[in-house]
Amino acid sequence: MALLGWIVSFIALFGALALRQDMPTGGSAMLSGMLFLLALLSCPMIWREKPLGISRGQRIIVTLILFLSVPLVLLPTG
């Protein structure tokens, strides 16, 4: 489980950094912020114990919500 957390954390962190560097038009700032939050929530080193009362199950649910809301951010408006 920790290996999966590290993989997701690094993918989200590098994706967020790439979006911050390029900053294409649209919802890239919001998507980058969501990816930074995902990187924080999935990092096993930070969340080894239960800081702030957030359990592993709650982090998994929030991570799934962030993954599933990405298409909503990328939908064209107008």
PDB file of N, CA and C in Angstrom:
ATOM      1  N   MET A   1       0.819  -1.191   0.000  1.00  0.00           N
ATOM      2  CA  MET A   1       0.000   0.000   0.000  1.00  0.00           C
ATOM      3  C   MET A   1       0.864   1.257   0.000  1.00  0.00           C
ATOM      4  N   ALA A   2       1.974   1.217   0.712  1.00  0.00           N
ATOM      5  CA  ALA A   2       2.845   2.390   0.747  1.00  0.00           C
ATOM      6  C   ALA A   2       3.474   2.648  -0.620  1.00  0.00           C
ATOM      7  N   LEU A   3       3.812   1.580  -1.342  1.00  0.00           N
ATOM      8  CA  LEU A   3       4.394   1.754  -2.669  1.00  0.00           C
ATOM      9  C   LEU A   3       3.391   2.420  -3.609  1.00  0.00           C
ATOM     10  N   LEU A   4       2.140   2.022  -3.534  1.00  0.00           N
ATOM     11  CA  LEU A   4       1.106   2.646  -4.350  1.00  0.00           C
ATOM     12  C   LEU A   4       0.950   4.122  -3.979  1.00  0.00           C
ATOM     13  N   GLY A   5       1.039   4.423  -2.694  1.00  0.00           N
ATOM     14  CA  GLY A   5       0.968   5.809  -2.247  1.00  0.00           C
ATOM     15  C   GLY A   5       2.107   6.641  -2.784  1.00  0.00           C
ATOM     16  N   TRP A   6       3.320   6.098  -2.774  1.00  0.00           N
ATOM     17  CA  TRP A   6       4.473   6.817  -3.322  1.00  0.00           C
ATOM     18  C   TRP A   6       4.321   7.052  -4.823  1.00  0.00           C
ATOM     19  N   ILE A   7       3.851   6.042  -5.544  1.00  0.00           N
ATOM     20  CA  ILE A   7       3.696   6.176  -6.991  1.00  0.00           C
ATOM     21  C   ILE A   7       2.665   7.259  -7.323  1.00  0.00           C
ATOM     22  N   VAL A   8       1.513   7.206  -6.671  1.00  0.00           N
ATOM     23  CA  VAL A   8       0.473   8.209  -6.914  1.00  0.00           C
ATOM     24  C   VAL A   8       0.951   9.593  -6.500  1.00  0.00           C
ATOM     25  N   SER A   9       1.668   9.678  -5.396  1.00  0.00           N
ATOM     26  CA  SER A   9       2.159  10.960  -4.911  1.00  0.00           C
ATOM     27  C   SER A   9       3.133  11.595  -5.891  1.00  0.00           C
ATOM     28  N   PHE A  10       4.077  10.815  -6.410  1.00  0.00           N
ATOM     29  CA  PHE A  10       5.046  11.371  -7.355  1.00  0.00           C
ATOM     30  C   PHE A  10       4.396  11.736  -8.680  1.00  0.00           C
ATOM     31  N   ILE A  11       3.475  10.918  -9.162  1.00  0.00           N
ATOM     32  CA  ILE A  11       2.782  11.240 -10.414  1.00  0.00           C
ATOM     33  C   ILE A  11       2.001  12.537 -10.267  1.00  0.00           C
ATOM     34  N   ALA A  12       1.279  12.682  -9.168  1.00  0.00           N
ATOM     35  CA  ALA A  12       0.496  13.897  -8.945  1.00  0.00           C
ATOM     36  C   ALA A  12       1.400  15.112  -8.775  1.00  0.00           C
ATOM     37  N   LEU A  13       2.499  14.959  -8.049  1.00  0.00           N
ATOM     38  CA  LEU A  13       3.407  16.086  -7.840  1.00  0.00           C
ATOM     39  C   LEU A  13       4.042  16.543  -9.143  1.00  0.00           C
ATOM     40  N   PHE A  14       4.530  15.607  -9.942  1.00  0.00           N
ATOM     41  CA  PHE A  14       5.163  15.985 -11.201  1.00  0.00           C
ATOM     42  C   PHE A  14       4.142  16.547 -12.191  1.00  0.00           C
ATOM     43  N   GLY A  15       2.928  16.004 -12.188  1.00  0.00           N
ATOM     44  CA  GLY A  15       1.881  16.559 -13.043  1.00  0.00           C
ATOM     45  C   GLY A  15       1.516  17.982 -12.643  1.00  0.00           C
ATOM     46  N   ALA A  16       1.424  18.237 -11.344  1.00  0.00           N
ATOM     47  CA  ALA A  16       1.103  19.581 -10.869  1.00  0.00           C
ATOM     48  C   ALA A  16       2.225  20.564 -11.197  1.00  0.00           C
ATOM     49  N   LEU A  17       3.456  20.137 -11.024  1.00  0.00           N
ATOM     50  CA  LEU A  17       4.576  21.017 -11.356  1.00  0.00           C
ATOM     51  C   LEU A  17       4.637  21.312 -12.850  1.00  0.00           C
ATOM     52  N   ALA A  18       4.337  20.324 -13.684  1.00  0.00           N
ATOM     53  CA  ALA A  18       4.319  20.549 -15.128  1.00  0.00           C
ATOM     54  C   ALA A  18       3.206  21.522 -15.515  1.00  0.00           C
ATOM     55  N   LEU A  19       2.045  21.390 -14.878  1.00  0.00           N
ATOM     56  CA  LEU A  19       0.959  22.327 -15.169  1.00  0.00           C
ATOM     57  C   LEU A  19       1.296  23.736 -14.706  1.00  0.00           C
ATOM     58  N   ARG A  20       1.954  23.857 -13.571  1.00  0.00           N
ATOM     59  CA  ARG A  20       2.337  25.192 -13.085  1.00  0.00           C
ATOM     60  C   ARG A  20       3.365  25.841 -14.004  1.00  0.00           C
ATOM     61  N   GLN A  21       4.220  25.036 -14.606  1.00  0.00           N
ATOM     62  CA  GLN A  21       5.246  25.600 -15.476  1.00  0.00           C
ATOM     63  C   GLN A  21       4.650  26.026 -16.813  1.00  0.00           C
ATOM     64  N   ASP A  22       3.793  25.202 -17.404  1.00  0.00           N
ATOM     65  CA  ASP A  22       3.244  25.510 -18.721  1.00  0.00           C
ATOM     66  C   ASP A  22       2.071  26.484 -18.653  1.00  0.00           C
ATOM     67  N   MET A  23       1.173  26.281 -17.719  1.00  0.00           N
ATOM     68  CA  MET A  23      -0.037  27.075 -17.528  1.00  0.00           C
ATOM     69  C   MET A  23      -0.809  27.313 -18.828  1.00  0.00           C
ATOM     70  N   PRO A  24      -1.300  26.235 -19.442  1.00  0.00           N
ATOM     71  CA  PRO A  24      -2.166  26.446 -20.607  1.00  0.00           C
ATOM     72  C   PRO A  24      -3.486  27.072 -20.171  1.00  0.00           C
ATOM     73  N   THR A  25      -4.260  27.498 -21.126  1.00  0.00           N
ATOM     74  CA  THR A  25      -5.521  28.154 -20.786  1.00  0.00           C
ATOM     75  C   THR A  25      -6.519  27.131 -20.247  1.00  0.00           C
ATOM     76  N   GLY A  26      -7.552  27.621 -19.648  1.00  0.00           N
ATOM     77  CA  GLY A  26      -8.581  26.743 -19.091  1.00  0.00           C
ATOM     78  C   GLY A  26      -8.427  26.615 -17.590  1.00  0.00           C
ATOM     79  N   GLY A  27      -8.765  25.438 -17.070  1.00  0.00           N
ATOM     80  CA  GLY A  27      -8.751  25.210 -15.631  1.00  0.00           C
ATOM     81  C   GLY A  27      -7.450  24.631 -15.133  1.00  0.00           C
ATOM     82  N   SER A  28      -6.331  25.018 -15.728  1.00  0.00           N
ATOM     83  CA  SER A  28      -5.056  24.410 -15.338  1.00  0.00           C
ATOM     84  C   SER A  28      -4.635  24.804 -13.929  1.00  0.00           C
ATOM     85  N   ALA A  29      -4.957  26.006 -13.491  1.00  0.00           N
ATOM     86  CA  ALA A  29      -4.589  26.405 -12.135  1.00  0.00           C
ATOM     87  C   ALA A  29      -5.368  25.583 -11.110  1.00  0.00           C
ATOM     88  N   MET A  30      -6.650  25.348 -11.384  1.00  0.00           N
ATOM     89  CA  MET A  30      -7.458  24.551 -10.474  1.00  0.00           C
ATOM     90  C   MET A  30      -6.991  23.095 -10.489  1.00  0.00           C
ATOM     91  N   LEU A  31      -6.707  22.571 -11.667  1.00  0.00           N
ATOM     92  CA  LEU A  31      -6.233  21.196 -11.783  1.00  0.00           C
ATOM     93  C   LEU A  31      -4.880  21.017 -11.109  1.00  0.00           C
ATOM     94  N   SER A  32      -4.013  22.000 -11.239  1.00  0.00           N
ATOM     95  CA  SER A  32      -2.712  21.938 -10.582  1.00  0.00           C
ATOM     96  C   SER A  32      -2.866  21.933  -9.061  1.00  0.00           C
ATOM     97  N   GLY A  33      -3.762  22.747  -8.549  1.00  0.00           N
ATOM     98  CA  GLY A  33      -4.014  22.749  -7.108  1.00  0.00           C
ATOM     99  C   GLY A  33      -4.573  21.425  -6.621  1.00  0.00           C
ATOM    100  N   MET A  34      -5.456  20.828  -7.422  1.00  0.00           N
ATOM    101  CA  MET A  34      -6.005  19.524  -7.060  1.00  0.00           C
ATOM    102  C   MET A  34      -4.918  18.455  -7.060  1.00  0.00           C
ATOM    103  N   LEU A  35      -3.998  18.536  -8.008  1.00  0.00           N
ATOM    104  CA  LEU A  35      -2.910  17.556  -8.059  1.00  0.00           C
ATOM    105  C   LEU A  35      -1.952  17.724  -6.884  1.00  0.00           C
ATOM    106  N   PHE A  36      -1.699  18.974  -6.466  1.00  0.00           N
ATOM    107  CA  PHE A  36      -0.867  19.191  -5.277  1.00  0.00           C
ATOM    108  C   PHE A  36      -1.548  18.602  -4.040  1.00  0.00           C
ATOM    109  N   LEU A  37      -2.856  18.791  -3.931  1.00  0.00           N
ATOM    110  CA  LEU A  37      -3.593  18.219  -2.808  1.00  0.00           C
ATOM    111  C   LEU A  37      -3.553  16.699  -2.848  1.00  0.00           C
ATOM    112  N   LEU A  38      -3.685  16.130  -4.040  1.00  0.00           N
ATOM    113  CA  LEU A  38      -3.602  14.685  -4.198  1.00  0.00           C
ATOM    114  C   LEU A  38      -2.216  14.177  -3.803  1.00  0.00           C
ATOM    115  N   ALA A  39      -1.165  14.905  -4.186  1.00  0.00           N
ATOM    116  CA  ALA A  39       0.189  14.505  -3.814  1.00  0.00           C
ATOM    117  C   ALA A  39       0.361  14.532  -2.295  1.00  0.00           C
ATOM    118  N   LEU A  40      -0.217  15.520  -1.639  1.00  0.00           N
ATOM    119  CA  LEU A  40      -0.133  15.601  -0.185  1.00  0.00           C
ATOM    120  C   LEU A  40      -0.922  14.478   0.476  1.00  0.00           C
ATOM    121  N   LEU A  41      -2.114  14.205  -0.038  1.00  0.00           N
ATOM    122  CA  LEU A  41      -2.957  13.184   0.586  1.00  0.00           C
ATOM    123  C   LEU A  41      -2.426  11.771   0.398  1.00  0.00           C
ATOM    124  N   SER A  42      -1.676  11.536  -0.665  1.00  0.00           N
ATOM    125  CA  SER A  42      -1.226  10.171  -0.930  1.00  0.00           C
ATOM    126  C   SER A  42       0.216   9.916  -0.496  1.00  0.00           C
ATOM    127  N   CYS A  43       0.891  10.888   0.061  1.00  0.00           N
ATOM    128  CA  CYS A  43       2.286  10.707   0.480  1.00  0.00           C
ATOM    129  C   CYS A  43       2.344   9.918   1.795  1.00  0.00           C
ATOM    130  N   PRO A  44       2.915   8.702   1.750  1.00  0.00           N
ATOM    131  CA  PRO A  44       2.938   7.875   2.966  1.00  0.00           C
ATOM    132  C   PRO A  44       3.849   8.424   4.067  1.00  0.00           C
ATOM    133  N   MET A  45       4.865   9.190   3.697  1.00  0.00           N
ATOM    134  CA  MET A  45       5.788   9.697   4.699  1.00  0.00           C
ATOM    135  C   MET A  45       5.106  10.719   5.621  1.00  0.00           C
ATOM    136  N   ILE A  46       4.264  11.551   5.062  1.00  0.00           N
ATOM    137  CA  ILE A  46       3.576  12.578   5.859  1.00  0.00           C
ATOM    138  C   ILE A  46       2.485  11.968   6.717  1.00  0.00           C
ATOM    139  N   TRP A  47       1.768  10.984   6.162  1.00  0.00           N
ATOM    140  CA  TRP A  47       0.598  10.441   6.817  1.00  0.00           C
ATOM    141  C   TRP A  47       0.858   9.085   7.451  1.00  0.00           C
ATOM    142  N   ARG A  48       2.031   8.856   7.990  1.00  0.00           N
ATOM    143  CA  ARG A  48       2.347   7.567   8.603  1.00  0.00           C
ATOM    144  C   ARG A  48       1.430   7.269   9.782  1.00  0.00           C
ATOM    145  N   GLU A  49       1.140   8.267  10.565  1.00  0.00           N
ATOM    146  CA  GLU A  49       0.201   8.098  11.671  1.00  0.00           C
ATOM    147  C   GLU A  49      -1.080   8.843  11.326  1.00  0.00           C
ATOM    148  N   LYS A  50      -1.878   9.209  12.280  1.00  0.00           N
ATOM    149  CA  LYS A  50      -3.144   9.892  12.013  1.00  0.00           C
ATOM    150  C   LYS A  50      -3.084  11.355  12.457  1.00  0.00           C
ATOM    151  N   PRO A  51      -2.374  12.209  11.723  1.00  0.00           N
ATOM    152  CA  PRO A  51      -2.385  13.615  12.110  1.00  0.00           C
ATOM    153  C   PRO A  51      -3.730  14.251  11.767  1.00  0.00           C
ATOM    154  N   LEU A  52      -4.174  15.147  12.561  1.00  0.00           N
ATOM    155  CA  LEU A  52      -5.424  15.878  12.378  1.00  0.00           C
ATOM    156  C   LEU A  52      -6.646  14.968  12.357  1.00  0.00           C
ATOM    157  N   GLY A  53      -6.515  13.726  12.813  1.00  0.00           N
ATOM    158  CA  GLY A  53      -7.638  12.814  12.880  1.00  0.00           C
ATOM    159  C   GLY A  53      -8.107  12.273  11.544  1.00  0.00           C
ATOM    160  N   ILE A  54      -7.287  12.374  10.499  1.00  0.00           N
ATOM    161  CA  ILE A  54      -7.676  11.887   9.175  1.00  0.00           C
ATOM    162  C   ILE A  54      -7.165  10.461   9.017  1.00  0.00           C
ATOM    163  N   SER A  55      -8.082   9.548   8.806  1.00  0.00           N
ATOM    164  CA  SER A  55      -7.695   8.143   8.703  1.00  0.00           C
ATOM    165  C   SER A  55      -7.318   7.788   7.260  1.00  0.00           C
ATOM    166  N   ARG A  56      -6.812   6.593   7.078  1.00  0.00           N
ATOM    167  CA  ARG A  56      -6.410   6.133   5.755  1.00  0.00           C
ATOM    168  C   ARG A  56      -7.618   6.002   4.830  1.00  0.00           C
ATOM    169  N   GLY A  57      -8.728   5.532   5.342  1.00  0.00           N
ATOM    170  CA  GLY A  57      -9.935   5.401   4.537  1.00  0.00           C
ATOM    171  C   GLY A  57     -10.443   6.744   4.024  1.00  0.00           C
ATOM    172  N   GLN A  58     -10.386   7.766   4.869  1.00  0.00           N
ATOM    173  CA  GLN A  58     -10.826   9.096   4.453  1.00  0.00           C
ATOM    174  C   GLN A  58      -9.905   9.657   3.372  1.00  0.00           C
ATOM    175  N   ARG A  59      -8.608   9.399   3.488  1.00  0.00           N
ATOM    176  CA  ARG A  59      -7.678   9.865   2.448  1.00  0.00           C
ATOM    177  C   ARG A  59      -7.922   9.155   1.137  1.00  0.00           C
ATOM    178  N   ILE A  60      -8.236   7.857   1.189  1.00  0.00           N
ATOM    179  CA  ILE A  60      -8.503   7.106  -0.039  1.00  0.00           C
ATOM    180  C   ILE A  60      -9.754   7.644  -0.727  1.00  0.00           C
ATOM    181  N   ILE A  61     -10.789   7.952   0.034  1.00  0.00           N
ATOM    182  CA  ILE A  61     -12.023   8.492  -0.544  1.00  0.00           C
ATOM    183  C   ILE A  61     -11.766   9.856  -1.181  1.00  0.00           C
ATOM    184  N   VAL A  62     -11.027  10.719  -0.511  1.00  0.00           N
ATOM    185  CA  VAL A  62     -10.723  12.040  -1.077  1.00  0.00           C
ATOM    186  C   VAL A  62      -9.864  11.900  -2.329  1.00  0.00           C
ATOM    187  N   THR A  63      -8.931  10.967  -2.336  1.00  0.00           N
ATOM    188  CA  THR A  63      -8.111  10.732  -3.520  1.00  0.00           C
ATOM    189  C   THR A  63      -8.968  10.266  -4.691  1.00  0.00           C
ATOM    190  N   LEU A  64      -9.908   9.374  -4.441  1.00  0.00           N
ATOM    191  CA  LEU A  64     -10.808   8.936  -5.507  1.00  0.00           C
ATOM    192  C   LEU A  64     -11.677  10.079  -6.011  1.00  0.00           C
ATOM    193  N   ILE A  65     -12.141  10.924  -5.113  1.00  0.00           N
ATOM    194  CA  ILE A  65     -12.944  12.078  -5.529  1.00  0.00           C
ATOM    195  C   ILE A  65     -12.121  13.000  -6.415  1.00  0.00           C
ATOM    196  N   LEU A  66     -10.860  13.240  -6.043  1.00  0.00           N
ATOM    197  CA  LEU A  66     -10.005  14.100  -6.868  1.00  0.00           C
ATOM    198  C   LEU A  66      -9.741  13.479  -8.234  1.00  0.00           C
ATOM    199  N   PHE A  67      -9.491  12.169  -8.281  1.00  0.00           N
ATOM    200  CA  PHE A  67      -9.280  11.498  -9.563  1.00  0.00           C
ATOM    201  C   PHE A  67     -10.517  11.604 -10.444  1.00  0.00           C
ATOM    202  N   LEU A  68     -11.684  11.380  -9.866  1.00  0.00           N
ATOM    203  CA  LEU A  68     -12.909  11.354 -10.657  1.00  0.00           C
ATOM    204  C   LEU A  68     -13.406  12.752 -11.024  1.00  0.00           C
ATOM    205  N   SER A  69     -12.959  13.802 -10.356  1.00  0.00           N
ATOM    206  CA  SER A  69     -13.403  15.149 -10.703  1.00  0.00           C
ATOM    207  C   SER A  69     -12.513  15.815 -11.738  1.00  0.00           C
ATOM    208  N   VAL A  70     -11.419  15.201 -12.124  1.00  0.00           N
ATOM    209  CA  VAL A  70     -10.536  15.778 -13.142  1.00  0.00           C
ATOM    210  C   VAL A  70     -11.266  15.990 -14.475  1.00  0.00           C
ATOM    211  N   PRO A  71     -12.076  15.034 -14.968  1.00  0.00           N
ATOM    212  CA  PRO A  71     -12.795  15.310 -16.235  1.00  0.00           C
ATOM    213  C   PRO A  71     -13.729  16.499 -16.151  1.00  0.00           C
ATOM    214  N   LEU A  72     -14.300  16.775 -14.993  1.00  0.00           N
ATOM    215  CA  LEU A  72     -15.168  17.933 -14.849  1.00  0.00           C
ATOM    216  C   LEU A  72     -14.397  19.234 -15.008  1.00  0.00           C
ATOM    217  N   VAL A  73     -13.161  19.261 -14.552  1.00  0.00           N
ATOM    218  CA  VAL A  73     -12.340  20.466 -14.689  1.00  0.00           C
ATOM    219  C   VAL A  73     -11.950  20.670 -16.151  1.00  0.00           C
ATOM    220  N   LEU A  74     -11.752  19.590 -16.867  1.00  0.00           N
ATOM    221  CA  LEU A  74     -11.273  19.674 -18.250  1.00  0.00           C
ATOM    222  C   LEU A  74     -12.392  19.882 -19.264  1.00  0.00           C
ATOM    223  N   LEU A  75     -13.662  19.854 -18.852  1.00  0.00           N
ATOM    224  CA  LEU A  75     -14.767  20.061 -19.777  1.00  0.00           C
ATOM    225  C   LEU A  75     -14.736  21.491 -20.308  1.00  0.00           C
ATOM    226  N   PRO A  76     -14.968  21.655 -21.605  1.00  0.00           N
ATOM    227  CA  PRO A  76     -14.999  23.030 -22.144  1.00  0.00           C
ATOM    228  C   PRO A  76     -16.256  23.758 -21.685  1.00  0.00           C
ATOM    229  N   THR A  77     -16.111  25.023 -21.401  1.00  0.00           N
ATOM    230  CA  THR A  77     -17.258  25.829 -20.972  1.00  0.00           C
ATOM    231  C   THR A  77     -17.626  26.782 -22.099  1.00  0.00           C
ATOM    232  N   GLY A  78     -18.878  27.108 -22.152  1.00  0.00           N
ATOM    233  CA  GLY A  78     -19.294  28.107 -23.128  1.00  0.00           C
ATOM    234  C   GLY A  78     -20.129  27.624 -24.192  1.00  0.00           C
TER     235      GLY A  78
END
